[in-house]
Protein backbone atom coordinates (compact mmCIF):
# COMPACT_ATOMS: atom_id res chain seq x y z
CA MET A 1 180.89 -73.80 200.18
CA THR A 2 178.49 -76.54 201.29
CA ILE A 3 178.63 -79.80 199.36
CA MET A 4 175.80 -82.26 199.94
CA SER A 5 175.11 -85.82 198.98
CA ARG A 6 171.82 -86.75 197.36
CA ASP A 7 170.64 -88.30 200.65
CA GLN A 8 171.01 -84.94 202.40
CA VAL A 9 168.61 -83.18 200.03
CA PRO A 10 165.04 -83.50 201.43
CA LEU A 11 163.37 -83.34 198.02
CA GLU A 12 161.95 -85.86 195.59
CA ASP A 13 163.62 -86.31 192.21
CA GLU A 14 160.87 -84.35 190.38
CA GLU A 15 161.18 -81.53 192.92
CA ILE A 16 164.92 -81.19 192.28
CA CYS A 17 164.23 -80.88 188.53
CA LEU A 18 161.63 -78.22 189.28
CA VAL A 19 163.96 -76.26 191.56
CA LYS A 20 166.60 -76.30 188.82
CA GLY A 21 164.05 -75.18 186.27
CA LEU A 22 162.80 -72.34 188.49
CA LEU A 23 166.39 -71.18 188.96
CA LYS A 24 167.13 -71.44 185.24
CA HIS A 25 164.05 -69.44 184.23
CA ARG A 26 164.04 -67.13 187.25
CA LYS A 27 164.06 -63.91 185.21
CA LEU A 28 161.03 -64.86 183.12
CA LEU A 29 159.22 -66.23 186.17
CA LYS A 30 160.33 -63.41 188.50
CA MET A 31 161.68 -66.02 190.85
CA ASN A 32 164.30 -65.89 193.63
CA GLN A 33 165.59 -68.35 196.22
CA GLN A 34 163.27 -67.08 198.93
CA ARG A 35 160.21 -67.73 196.80
CA ILE A 36 161.49 -71.20 195.84
CA ILE A 37 161.93 -72.05 199.52
CA ALA A 38 158.33 -70.96 200.15
CA TYR A 39 157.03 -73.25 197.38
CA PHE A 40 158.86 -76.32 198.73
CA SER A 41 158.66 -75.85 202.53
CA PHE A 42 155.77 -77.27 204.58
CA PRO A 43 155.06 -77.71 208.31
CA HIS A 44 156.51 -81.20 208.24
CA ARG A 45 159.46 -80.29 205.96
CA THR A 46 161.66 -77.21 205.88
CA VAL A 47 163.92 -76.53 202.92
CA HIS A 48 166.86 -74.31 203.88
CA HIS A 49 168.82 -71.80 201.83
CA ASN A 50 171.88 -74.04 201.81
CA VAL A 51 169.88 -76.78 200.02
CA ILE A 52 168.71 -74.46 197.22
CA SER A 53 172.21 -72.95 196.93
CA ALA A 54 173.76 -76.39 196.64
CA ILE A 55 171.27 -77.39 193.93
CA ALA A 56 172.00 -74.15 192.06
CA ARG A 57 175.75 -74.94 192.12
CA ASN A 58 175.24 -78.60 191.16
CA ALA A 59 176.76 -79.44 194.55
CA ALA A 60 173.86 -81.49 195.87
CA GLY A 61 174.63 -84.88 194.41
CA ALA A 62 172.14 -84.16 191.62
CA SER A 63 173.86 -83.56 188.28
CA ASP A 64 172.03 -82.09 185.31
CA ALA A 65 172.52 -85.36 183.45
CA ASP A 66 170.55 -87.28 186.07
CA TYR A 67 168.28 -84.41 187.17
CA PRO A 68 167.67 -82.14 184.14
CA PRO A 69 166.12 -78.73 184.83
CA ALA A 70 162.39 -78.59 184.17
CA ASP A 71 161.49 -76.63 181.06
CA LEU A 72 159.62 -73.34 181.13
CA ALA A 73 156.22 -74.90 180.39
CA ALA A 74 156.62 -77.38 183.25
CA CYS A 75 157.61 -74.61 185.66
CA ARG A 76 154.61 -72.53 184.67
CA TYR A 77 152.32 -75.53 185.06
CA PHE A 78 153.64 -76.16 188.57
CA LEU A 79 153.27 -72.51 189.61
CA ASP A 80 149.73 -72.29 188.21
CA ALA A 81 148.66 -75.51 189.96
CA TRP A 82 150.36 -74.88 193.32
CA ASN A 83 148.04 -73.63 196.11
CA GLY A 84 149.99 -74.29 199.31
CA ASP A 85 148.37 -77.62 200.15
CA TRP A 86 150.81 -80.54 200.50
CA GLY A 87 148.61 -82.94 198.55
CA GLU A 88 148.16 -80.43 195.72
CA HIS A 89 151.89 -79.73 195.81
CA ARG A 90 152.68 -83.41 195.24
CA TRP A 91 150.10 -83.63 192.46
CA ALA A 92 151.45 -80.49 190.74
CA THR A 93 154.99 -81.85 191.04
CA ILE A 94 154.08 -85.18 189.45
CA MET A 95 151.97 -83.66 186.70
CA SER A 96 154.70 -81.22 185.71
CA GLY A 97 157.34 -83.95 185.65
CA PRO A 98 158.52 -85.99 182.65
CA HIS A 99 155.71 -88.52 183.16
CA GLY A 100 153.04 -85.91 183.79
CA VAL A 101 150.38 -84.79 181.34
CA GLN A 102 150.76 -81.04 181.50
CA ARG A 103 150.12 -79.39 178.16
CA GLU A 104 152.66 -77.40 176.29
CA GLU A 105 152.18 -73.67 175.92
CA LEU A 106 152.01 -72.15 172.47
CA ASP A 107 152.95 -68.55 171.79
CA PHE A 108 151.41 -66.00 169.42
CA GLY A 109 151.41 -62.29 168.79
CA TYR A 110 149.70 -59.62 166.68
CA GLN A 111 150.98 -56.17 165.81
CA PHE A 112 149.03 -53.39 164.10
CA HIS A 113 151.65 -51.03 162.75
CA PRO A 114 151.21 -47.22 162.85
CA VAL A 115 150.84 -46.29 159.16
CA GLY A 116 147.98 -43.77 159.34
CA GLN A 117 144.98 -44.15 157.03
CA GLY A 118 145.89 -47.70 156.04
CA LEU A 119 146.49 -51.17 157.37
CA PHE A 120 149.67 -53.09 158.09
CA CYS A 121 149.30 -56.04 160.45
CA SER A 122 151.91 -58.67 161.27
CA GLY A 123 151.79 -61.69 163.53
CA HIS A 124 153.57 -64.82 164.67
CA PHE A 125 152.73 -68.23 166.10
CA SER A 126 155.12 -70.81 167.53
CA ARG A 127 154.83 -74.26 168.97
CA PRO A 128 157.67 -75.63 171.13
CA GLY A 129 160.25 -77.40 169.02
CA LEU A 130 159.13 -75.83 165.74
CA PRO A 131 160.23 -72.55 164.11
CA ALA A 132 157.92 -69.54 164.44
CA PHE A 133 155.37 -69.03 161.67
CA ARG A 134 155.17 -65.35 160.67
CA TRP A 135 152.54 -63.56 158.66
CA VAL A 136 151.54 -60.14 157.31
CA TYR A 137 148.07 -58.96 156.35
CA ASP A 138 148.13 -55.95 154.03
CA CYS A 139 150.89 -53.43 153.89
CA GLY A 140 149.61 -50.10 152.64
CA THR A 141 148.40 -46.63 153.47
CA ASP A 142 146.19 -44.14 151.71
CA MET A 143 148.58 -41.84 149.88
CA GLY A 144 146.34 -38.78 150.23
CA SER A 145 147.88 -35.31 150.41
CA ARG A 146 150.71 -36.49 152.69
CA ILE A 147 152.02 -39.11 150.27
CA THR A 148 155.70 -38.84 151.22
CA ALA A 149 155.21 -39.06 154.99
CA ARG A 150 152.69 -41.89 154.79
CA SER A 151 154.71 -43.95 152.33
CA GLN A 152 157.76 -43.48 154.53
CA HIS A 153 155.76 -44.73 157.52
CA VAL A 154 155.15 -48.00 155.65
CA ARG A 155 158.79 -48.37 154.64
CA ASP A 156 159.94 -47.57 158.18
CA GLU A 157 157.60 -50.19 159.61
CA ILE A 158 158.78 -52.81 157.09
CA ALA A 159 162.38 -52.08 158.09
CA GLN A 160 161.48 -52.31 161.79
CA LEU A 161 159.69 -55.60 161.24
CA ARG A 162 162.78 -56.96 159.49
CA ARG A 163 164.90 -56.02 162.53
CA ASP A 164 162.38 -57.45 164.99
CA VAL A 165 161.95 -60.87 163.37
CA GLU A 166 165.66 -61.32 162.59
CA THR A 167 164.89 -63.21 159.38
CA ASP A 168 164.27 -62.24 155.77
CA ARG A 169 161.37 -64.71 155.37
CA LEU A 170 157.65 -64.36 156.00
CA ASP A 171 155.62 -67.56 155.87
CA LEU A 172 152.31 -66.00 154.82
CA VAL A 173 151.48 -62.63 153.28
CA THR A 174 147.93 -61.57 152.40
CA LEU A 175 146.92 -58.84 149.97
CA SER A 176 143.28 -58.19 150.78
CA HIS A 177 142.34 -55.99 147.83
CA PHE A 178 143.80 -54.40 144.76
CA ASP A 179 144.50 -50.67 144.84
CA GLU A 180 147.60 -48.57 144.25
CA ASP A 181 148.56 -47.99 147.88
CA HIS A 182 148.33 -51.64 148.90
CA LEU A 183 150.17 -52.81 145.80
CA SER A 184 152.93 -50.26 146.39
CA GLY A 185 153.35 -51.38 149.99
CA MET A 186 153.35 -55.03 148.92
CA LEU A 187 156.15 -54.40 146.43
CA ASP A 188 158.16 -52.70 149.20
CA LEU A 189 157.55 -55.74 151.40
CA LEU A 190 158.63 -58.15 148.65
CA ALA A 191 161.84 -56.16 148.21
CA THR A 192 162.68 -56.86 151.87
CA PHE A 193 161.32 -60.36 152.56
CA ARG A 194 161.08 -63.71 150.89
CA VAL A 195 157.51 -65.05 151.07
CA GLY A 196 156.42 -68.63 151.61
CA ILE A 197 152.76 -68.19 150.64
CA LEU A 198 151.22 -65.10 149.05
CA LEU A 199 147.45 -65.12 149.54
CA LEU A 200 145.30 -63.24 147.01
CA PRO A 201 141.58 -63.04 146.18
CA HIS A 202 140.96 -64.87 142.91
CA LEU A 203 139.33 -62.50 140.42
CA THR A 204 138.21 -63.20 136.88
CA PRO A 205 139.52 -61.08 133.97
CA TRP A 206 136.25 -59.13 133.95
CA GLU A 207 136.46 -58.43 137.67
CA ARG A 208 140.03 -57.25 137.26
CA LEU A 209 138.94 -54.91 134.45
CA ILE A 210 136.23 -53.43 136.68
CA VAL A 211 138.77 -52.90 139.47
CA ALA A 212 141.21 -51.26 137.04
CA LEU A 213 138.57 -48.82 135.86
CA SER A 214 137.24 -48.09 139.34
CA GLU A 215 140.78 -47.45 140.61
CA GLU A 216 141.56 -45.25 137.59
CA ALA A 217 144.66 -47.30 136.80
CA ALA A 218 146.83 -45.49 134.24
CA VAL A 219 148.45 -46.93 131.12
CA GLY A 220 152.00 -47.93 132.00
CA SER A 221 151.32 -48.08 135.75
CA ASP A 222 152.21 -50.98 138.03
CA LEU A 223 148.57 -51.21 139.05
CA LEU A 224 147.31 -51.78 135.50
CA ALA A 225 150.10 -54.26 134.79
CA PHE A 226 149.24 -56.10 138.01
CA LEU A 227 145.50 -56.20 137.29
CA THR A 228 146.13 -57.46 133.77
CA ALA A 229 147.97 -60.53 135.08
CA PRO A 230 148.34 -60.55 138.90
CA THR A 231 150.29 -63.78 139.36
CA ALA A 232 152.57 -63.23 136.36
CA PHE A 233 153.31 -59.67 137.50
CA LEU A 234 154.14 -60.65 141.09
CA LEU A 235 156.26 -63.66 140.17
CA ALA A 236 158.28 -61.51 137.77
CA ARG A 237 158.72 -58.59 140.17
CA ALA A 238 159.61 -60.80 143.13
CA GLU A 239 162.40 -62.50 141.14
CA GLY A 240 162.12 -65.86 142.87
CA ARG A 241 161.27 -64.48 146.32
CA ILE A 242 157.73 -65.96 146.29
CA GLU A 243 157.53 -69.71 146.85
CA LYS A 244 153.79 -70.06 146.29
CA ILE A 245 150.81 -67.91 145.30
CA LEU A 246 147.54 -69.18 146.74
CA LEU A 247 144.36 -67.80 145.17
CA VAL A 248 141.17 -67.71 147.23
CA PRO A 249 138.02 -68.26 145.14
CA PRO A 250 134.76 -66.49 145.96
CA SER A 251 133.44 -68.07 149.11
CA GLY A 252 130.02 -68.59 147.60
CA ASP A 253 126.64 -67.07 148.15
CA GLY A 254 125.97 -68.15 151.70
CA GLY A 255 128.57 -70.94 151.73
CA ALA A 256 130.35 -72.04 154.88
CA ALA A 257 133.98 -72.63 155.76
CA LEU A 258 135.23 -76.16 156.19
CA PRO A 259 135.19 -77.41 159.79
CA PRO A 260 138.46 -76.91 161.68
CA ALA A 261 140.91 -79.78 161.80
CA ILE A 262 140.83 -81.90 164.94
CA PRO A 263 144.07 -81.32 166.83
CA PRO A 264 146.07 -84.40 167.76
CA ASP A 265 146.67 -85.02 171.41
CA ALA A 266 149.15 -82.41 172.59
CA PRO A 267 152.42 -84.09 173.55
CA VAL A 268 153.47 -84.50 177.15
CA ARG A 269 156.72 -82.88 178.19
CA GLY A 270 159.69 -84.57 176.55
CA GLU A 271 157.74 -85.95 173.59
CA GLU A 272 159.18 -85.20 170.19
CA PRO A 273 157.21 -82.45 168.36
CA GLY A 274 158.35 -83.61 164.94
CA VAL A 275 155.09 -85.51 164.36
CA PHE A 276 153.34 -82.19 163.67
CA LEU A 277 153.07 -81.28 160.01
CA PRO A 278 154.42 -77.74 159.55
CA VAL A 279 151.77 -76.52 157.07
CA VAL A 280 148.72 -78.28 155.62
CA ILE A 281 146.81 -76.79 152.65
CA LYS A 282 144.19 -78.39 150.41
CA ASP A 283 144.49 -76.76 147.01
CA HIS A 284 144.41 -77.48 143.29
CA ALA A 285 145.73 -76.13 140.01
CA PRO A 286 143.86 -73.10 138.63
CA ASP A 287 141.74 -73.25 135.50
CA GLY A 288 142.95 -71.32 132.51
CA GLU A 289 141.40 -68.00 131.49
CA ASN A 290 140.01 -66.85 128.15
CA GLN A 291 142.40 -64.47 126.40
CA ASP A 292 139.45 -62.47 125.07
CA ASP A 293 137.82 -61.88 128.46
CA GLY A 294 138.28 -58.65 130.38
CA VAL A 295 141.91 -57.60 130.68
CA ALA A 296 143.00 -60.91 129.10
CA ALA A 297 144.31 -64.10 130.63
CA ASP A 298 146.83 -64.18 133.46
CA GLU A 299 149.68 -66.26 132.05
CA GLY A 300 151.05 -66.81 135.53
CA LEU A 301 148.24 -69.28 136.22
CA SER A 302 150.17 -71.93 134.32
CA ASP A 303 153.11 -71.65 136.72
CA SER A 304 153.40 -74.59 139.13
CA ARG A 305 153.84 -72.15 142.02
CA VAL A 306 150.26 -70.86 141.58
CA ARG A 307 147.47 -72.84 143.25
CA VAL A 308 143.82 -72.32 144.20
CA LEU A 309 142.61 -72.97 147.74
CA HIS A 310 139.70 -75.38 148.00
CA ARG A 311 136.47 -73.43 148.51
CA GLY A 312 136.00 -72.70 152.21
CA GLY A 313 139.43 -74.11 152.95
CA TYR A 314 142.12 -73.16 155.43
CA ILE A 315 145.86 -73.09 156.01
CA LEU A 316 146.76 -75.22 159.03
CA VAL A 317 150.05 -74.60 160.85
CA ALA A 318 151.65 -77.16 163.18
CA GLN A 319 148.24 -78.81 163.64
CA ALA A 320 147.39 -76.06 166.12
CA TRP A 321 146.78 -72.73 164.34
CA GLU A 322 144.70 -71.96 161.26
CA PHE A 323 144.14 -69.21 158.72
CA VAL A 324 140.69 -69.13 157.12
CA PRO A 325 140.19 -66.60 154.29
CA TYR A 326 136.80 -65.34 153.11
CA ASN A 327 136.48 -63.84 149.62
CA ASP A 328 133.25 -61.89 149.41
CA SER A 329 133.75 -60.82 145.78
CA ARG A 330 130.53 -59.89 143.99
CA LEU A 331 131.89 -58.01 140.98
CA GLU A 332 131.43 -60.71 138.35
CA ALA A 333 127.66 -60.16 138.38
CA LEU A 334 128.21 -56.51 137.48
CA ALA A 335 129.75 -57.42 134.14
CA SER A 336 126.54 -57.87 132.19
CA THR A 337 126.47 -59.31 128.69
CA ALA A 338 125.90 -55.82 127.27
CA PHE A 339 128.88 -54.43 129.19
CA LYS A 340 131.13 -57.30 128.08
CA ASP A 341 130.14 -56.95 124.42
CA ALA A 342 130.92 -53.23 124.47
CA ALA A 343 134.09 -53.55 126.54
CA ARG A 344 135.72 -56.54 124.84
CA PRO A 345 137.21 -54.78 121.76
CA LEU A 346 138.35 -51.84 123.89
CA ALA A 347 139.98 -54.13 126.46
CA ARG A 348 141.75 -55.97 123.65
CA GLN A 349 143.09 -52.65 122.35
CA LEU A 350 144.15 -51.65 125.87
CA THR A 351 146.25 -54.76 126.42
CA ARG A 352 147.53 -55.46 122.90
CA ALA A 353 147.94 -52.15 121.03
CA ALA A 354 151.55 -51.38 120.17
CA LYS A 355 151.26 -47.62 120.55
CA GLU A 356 150.79 -46.06 123.98
CA ALA A 357 148.44 -43.44 122.51
CA ASP A 358 146.13 -46.22 121.27
CA ARG A 359 146.17 -47.87 124.68
CA GLU A 360 145.38 -44.58 126.41
CA MET A 361 142.48 -43.96 124.01
CA ALA A 362 141.11 -47.41 124.74
CA LEU A 363 141.36 -46.82 128.49
CA GLU A 364 139.59 -43.48 128.15
CA ARG A 365 136.70 -45.04 126.23
CA LEU A 366 136.51 -47.94 128.68
CA THR A 367 136.31 -45.44 131.54
CA GLU A 368 133.45 -43.63 129.80
CA LEU A 369 131.66 -46.94 129.32
CA TYR A 370 132.25 -47.85 132.95
CA ASP A 371 130.95 -44.51 134.20
CA THR A 372 127.89 -44.75 132.00
CA THR A 373 127.18 -48.27 133.22
CA PHE A 374 127.89 -47.97 136.94
CA LYS A 375 128.00 -44.38 138.10
CA SER A 376 124.95 -43.08 139.92
CA ARG A 377 123.11 -40.26 138.23
CA GLY A 378 124.55 -36.91 139.34
CA ALA A 379 127.61 -38.46 141.00
CA LYS A 380 131.05 -37.11 140.14
CA LYS A 381 132.76 -40.48 140.48
CA ILE A 382 132.12 -44.11 141.30
CA SER A 383 131.30 -44.60 144.97
CA ALA A 384 133.88 -45.88 147.45
CA ARG A 385 131.64 -48.87 147.95
CA ARG A 386 132.14 -49.98 144.36
CA ARG A 387 135.89 -49.40 144.52
CA ASN A 388 136.22 -51.53 147.68
CA GLU A 389 133.71 -54.22 146.75
CA ILE A 390 136.49 -56.79 146.97
CA SER A 391 138.29 -57.44 150.24
CA LEU A 392 139.74 -60.71 151.46
CA PHE A 393 138.79 -61.30 155.10
CA LEU A 394 141.11 -63.51 157.17
CA TYR A 395 140.58 -65.36 160.44
CA ALA A 396 143.75 -66.38 162.28
CA GLY A 397 143.49 -68.39 165.47
CA PRO A 398 143.85 -71.68 167.34
CA ILE A 399 141.98 -74.90 166.70
CA GLY A 400 140.58 -77.23 169.31
CA GLN A 401 139.67 -76.59 172.93
CA VAL A 402 142.13 -74.03 174.24
CA GLU A 403 142.51 -71.29 176.81
CA LEU A 404 144.62 -68.15 176.86
CA ARG A 405 147.03 -68.36 179.76
CA ARG A 406 148.68 -64.95 179.69
CA ALA A 407 148.80 -61.84 177.55
CA ALA A 408 150.55 -58.47 177.40
CA VAL A 409 149.86 -55.34 175.35
CA THR A 410 152.34 -52.69 174.24
CA ILE A 411 151.85 -49.54 172.18
CA PRO A 412 154.61 -49.13 169.55
CA ARG A 413 155.27 -45.43 168.82
CA HIS A 414 157.13 -43.58 166.09
CA ARG A 415 160.31 -41.86 167.27
CA MET A 416 159.69 -43.08 170.84
CA GLY A 417 159.93 -46.30 172.77
CA PRO A 418 156.82 -48.46 173.21
CA SER A 419 154.50 -47.88 176.14
CA VAL A 420 152.57 -50.45 178.17
CA GLY A 421 148.97 -50.93 177.06
CA GLU A 422 145.88 -52.35 178.68
CA VAL A 423 145.14 -56.04 178.22
CA PRO A 424 141.52 -56.40 177.04
CA ARG A 425 139.10 -57.82 179.57
CA PHE A 426 137.36 -61.16 179.08
CA CYS A 427 140.11 -62.87 177.08
CA ILE A 428 142.35 -64.52 179.72
CA HIS A 429 141.30 -68.15 180.39
CA THR A 430 139.00 -68.10 177.33
CA ASP A 431 139.35 -69.14 173.68
CA ARG A 432 138.48 -65.63 172.40
CA PHE A 433 141.90 -64.46 171.29
CA GLY A 434 141.87 -65.25 167.57
CA GLN A 435 142.19 -62.46 165.04
CA MET A 436 139.56 -61.33 162.52
CA LEU A 437 140.96 -59.13 159.76
CA THR A 438 138.44 -57.47 157.47
CA GLY A 439 140.56 -55.09 155.39
CA ASP A 440 138.34 -52.63 153.53
CA GLY A 441 135.47 -55.12 153.40
CA PHE A 442 131.76 -54.44 153.67
CA LEU A 443 129.44 -55.73 156.38
CA HIS A 444 126.83 -53.12 155.60
CA THR A 445 123.76 -55.03 154.46
CA GLN A 446 121.95 -57.77 156.32
CA LYS A 447 122.78 -60.23 153.54
CA GLN A 448 126.49 -59.45 153.79
CA ILE A 449 126.34 -59.95 157.54
CA ASN A 450 124.35 -63.18 157.21
CA ASP A 451 126.83 -64.59 154.68
CA PHE A 452 129.78 -63.59 156.87
CA GLU A 453 128.17 -65.14 159.94
CA ARG A 454 127.26 -68.35 158.09
CA PHE A 455 130.79 -68.73 156.75
CA TYR A 456 132.60 -68.18 160.05
CA HIS A 457 129.98 -69.79 162.29
CA VAL A 458 131.58 -73.18 161.60
CA GLY A 459 134.03 -73.91 164.39
CA ASP A 460 132.73 -70.84 166.25
CA ARG A 461 135.38 -68.82 164.40
CA MET A 462 133.32 -65.65 164.33
CA MET A 463 133.29 -65.48 168.13
CA ARG A 464 136.83 -66.80 168.60
CA GLY A 465 138.14 -64.09 166.25
CA ALA A 466 137.63 -61.53 168.98
CA ILE A 467 140.63 -59.34 168.17
CA PHE A 468 138.60 -57.57 165.51
CA GLN A 469 139.91 -55.12 162.92
CA VAL A 470 136.96 -52.84 162.13
CA MET A 471 136.19 -52.61 158.41
CA HIS A 472 137.69 -49.84 156.24
CA HIS A 473 139.10 -47.64 159.03
CA GLY A 474 135.70 -47.49 160.76
CA SER A 475 133.78 -46.01 157.82
CA LYS A 476 130.02 -45.97 158.34
CA ALA A 477 129.57 -46.94 154.66
CA ASN A 478 131.01 -50.38 155.47
CA TRP A 479 129.06 -51.04 158.66
CA LYS A 480 125.50 -51.70 159.80
CA ALA A 481 124.18 -50.34 163.08
CA GLY A 482 124.33 -52.95 165.85
CA PHE A 483 126.95 -55.09 164.13
CA ALA A 484 129.37 -54.81 167.07
CA GLY A 485 126.82 -56.51 169.32
CA LEU A 486 126.76 -59.49 166.97
CA VAL A 487 130.52 -60.19 167.07
CA GLU A 488 131.18 -58.78 170.58
CA PRO A 489 134.91 -58.22 170.11
CA VAL A 490 137.38 -58.44 172.97
CA ALA A 491 139.28 -55.61 171.24
CA SER A 492 138.13 -53.44 168.31
CA LEU A 493 140.97 -52.06 166.18
CA PHE A 494 140.43 -48.86 164.18
CA CYS A 495 143.33 -48.41 161.75
CA SER A 496 142.92 -44.86 160.46
CA ASP A 497 144.06 -41.25 160.51
CA PRO A 498 141.44 -39.27 162.44
CA LEU A 499 142.92 -36.01 161.10
CA ALA A 500 142.70 -37.01 157.42
CA LYS A 501 140.01 -36.03 154.94
CA TYR A 502 137.36 -38.57 156.00
CA ARG A 503 137.94 -38.25 159.77
CA HIS A 504 137.71 -42.01 160.27
CA PRO A 505 136.50 -43.66 162.36
CA SER A 506 132.95 -42.40 161.96
CA ALA A 507 131.36 -41.36 165.23
CA SER A 508 128.45 -43.78 164.82
CA VAL A 509 130.76 -46.75 164.21
CA LEU A 510 132.97 -45.81 167.14
CA ALA A 511 129.92 -45.58 169.37
CA ASP A 512 128.72 -49.02 168.24
CA PHE A 513 132.07 -50.57 169.24
CA GLY A 514 132.41 -48.36 172.33
CA ASP A 515 131.79 -51.19 174.80
CA TYR A 516 134.23 -53.52 173.08
CA HIS A 517 137.65 -52.10 173.95
CA PRO A 518 138.09 -49.71 170.98
CA VAL A 519 141.73 -49.07 170.03
CA GLN A 520 142.96 -46.30 167.73
CA VAL A 521 145.91 -47.23 165.51
CA ASP A 522 147.07 -44.19 163.54
CA GLY A 523 150.21 -42.68 162.09
CA GLU A 524 151.97 -42.46 165.46
CA HIS A 525 150.60 -45.23 167.68
CA GLY A 526 150.36 -48.95 166.96
CA TRP A 527 149.04 -51.85 169.05
CA GLN A 528 150.70 -55.15 169.89
CA LEU A 529 149.35 -58.17 171.76
CA ILE A 530 151.49 -61.16 172.68
CA GLY A 531 150.28 -64.16 174.58
CA SER A 532 150.51 -67.89 175.22
CA TYR A 533 147.82 -70.52 175.35
CA ARG A 534 147.44 -74.23 175.85
CA PHE A 535 145.15 -77.09 174.85
CA LEU A 536 142.65 -78.25 177.43
């Protein structure tokens, strides 16, 4: 075994740290000794195998205490910057060293789970030195005629997520709209995970009554109990597993989101990351509700765990990643004075009558009133558009000037191992890798599109949110022709069951997004993207 002194090693101090780092992270970097020799040998200087072997064994007069291995980010910076030129080699070595200015790499990932005609999306973001921030957007599937199989898909995916993340805590969970399938899935999720922040659209008592009637919520059902008092219901059912409920007010008629935060200078290697605030939210206490309005007041609003996000506001994580919700609720305007006057005594009977028969009679009469007021002449039921008028959009992505450094796609599959997927074009070395989640929302009219564009235009979020979940499974009722050309997604996710009743996605919507990497997520195949990026 060769033992060398420091003087016998023909490398600078920074180079020894890099060699140690490349050896330490060789599996991730697909590195071996021959490749390391190639990176550090030049016409005027040859580095032999015995030198690298001695460094690997700490037998080169260069202990880890005096010559610590370079971290993974520094190694990647060196490899990206190296081009074979001696001058560039020296520059890359210095810049990746402890006194260099190479930027840290931040990791993220999105997964669209295979739950059929529904939506279950999870994600994570991590900054070196800080714990990963994990989120879920929606967790439900259309029950349809295959209720048992579809519900089991959701429960299976929740269980798999719990195994994958190796923790029982999610930092952020979003419920985009209020129907039976999404509420059921959310309750399953809350039975498995503790939740840091639960994000909900803020609806008035009248809006909640309209949703209850449009969803045909039954007396005694979880859905009706939830719509009567959403925050009180969830806090009681979660039994202390929700730390905070954050309500998102309507985003306004043509209002805009707040500008993104300005990221602090990213630290150089070795700088303490503790200066970064874990989560920043600007919110306030909710106003009380009138007990005689709609389905009555939500008593949970008085709980200190319930807050309201400032209009157009965001959730900022580690001063690097943001979540910007958009509540396009327009139901309050539907509750005319005449409708309220007729509905008020019936709603009071629905929520306060002691006998179930009296409550059921009140609900039946409210339904008749609702149908008379809102149902189109000749229609058998209220349109899907009315039932899905509320959906909380969510942008998730980086702030500041950034570029995606690397990405990988896998296709999770039920009963089988994942397969390798295709990384979308036009995202590497760009800032177009944020996520735009639309739930069952509508971007069907020009006004809806204009309001959406105006809201997310600030900070260029509409274009940066290029991993785009297409609205309501790709239904043509939620879309306007040519919309795909406005947002130009890097990847277009259709979360649906093409074999179900509605055959989503619609052919016209699929054709519109055809040039933008369309991806089918169904009951068997999911889609997962993981990547890393850095500040510029």
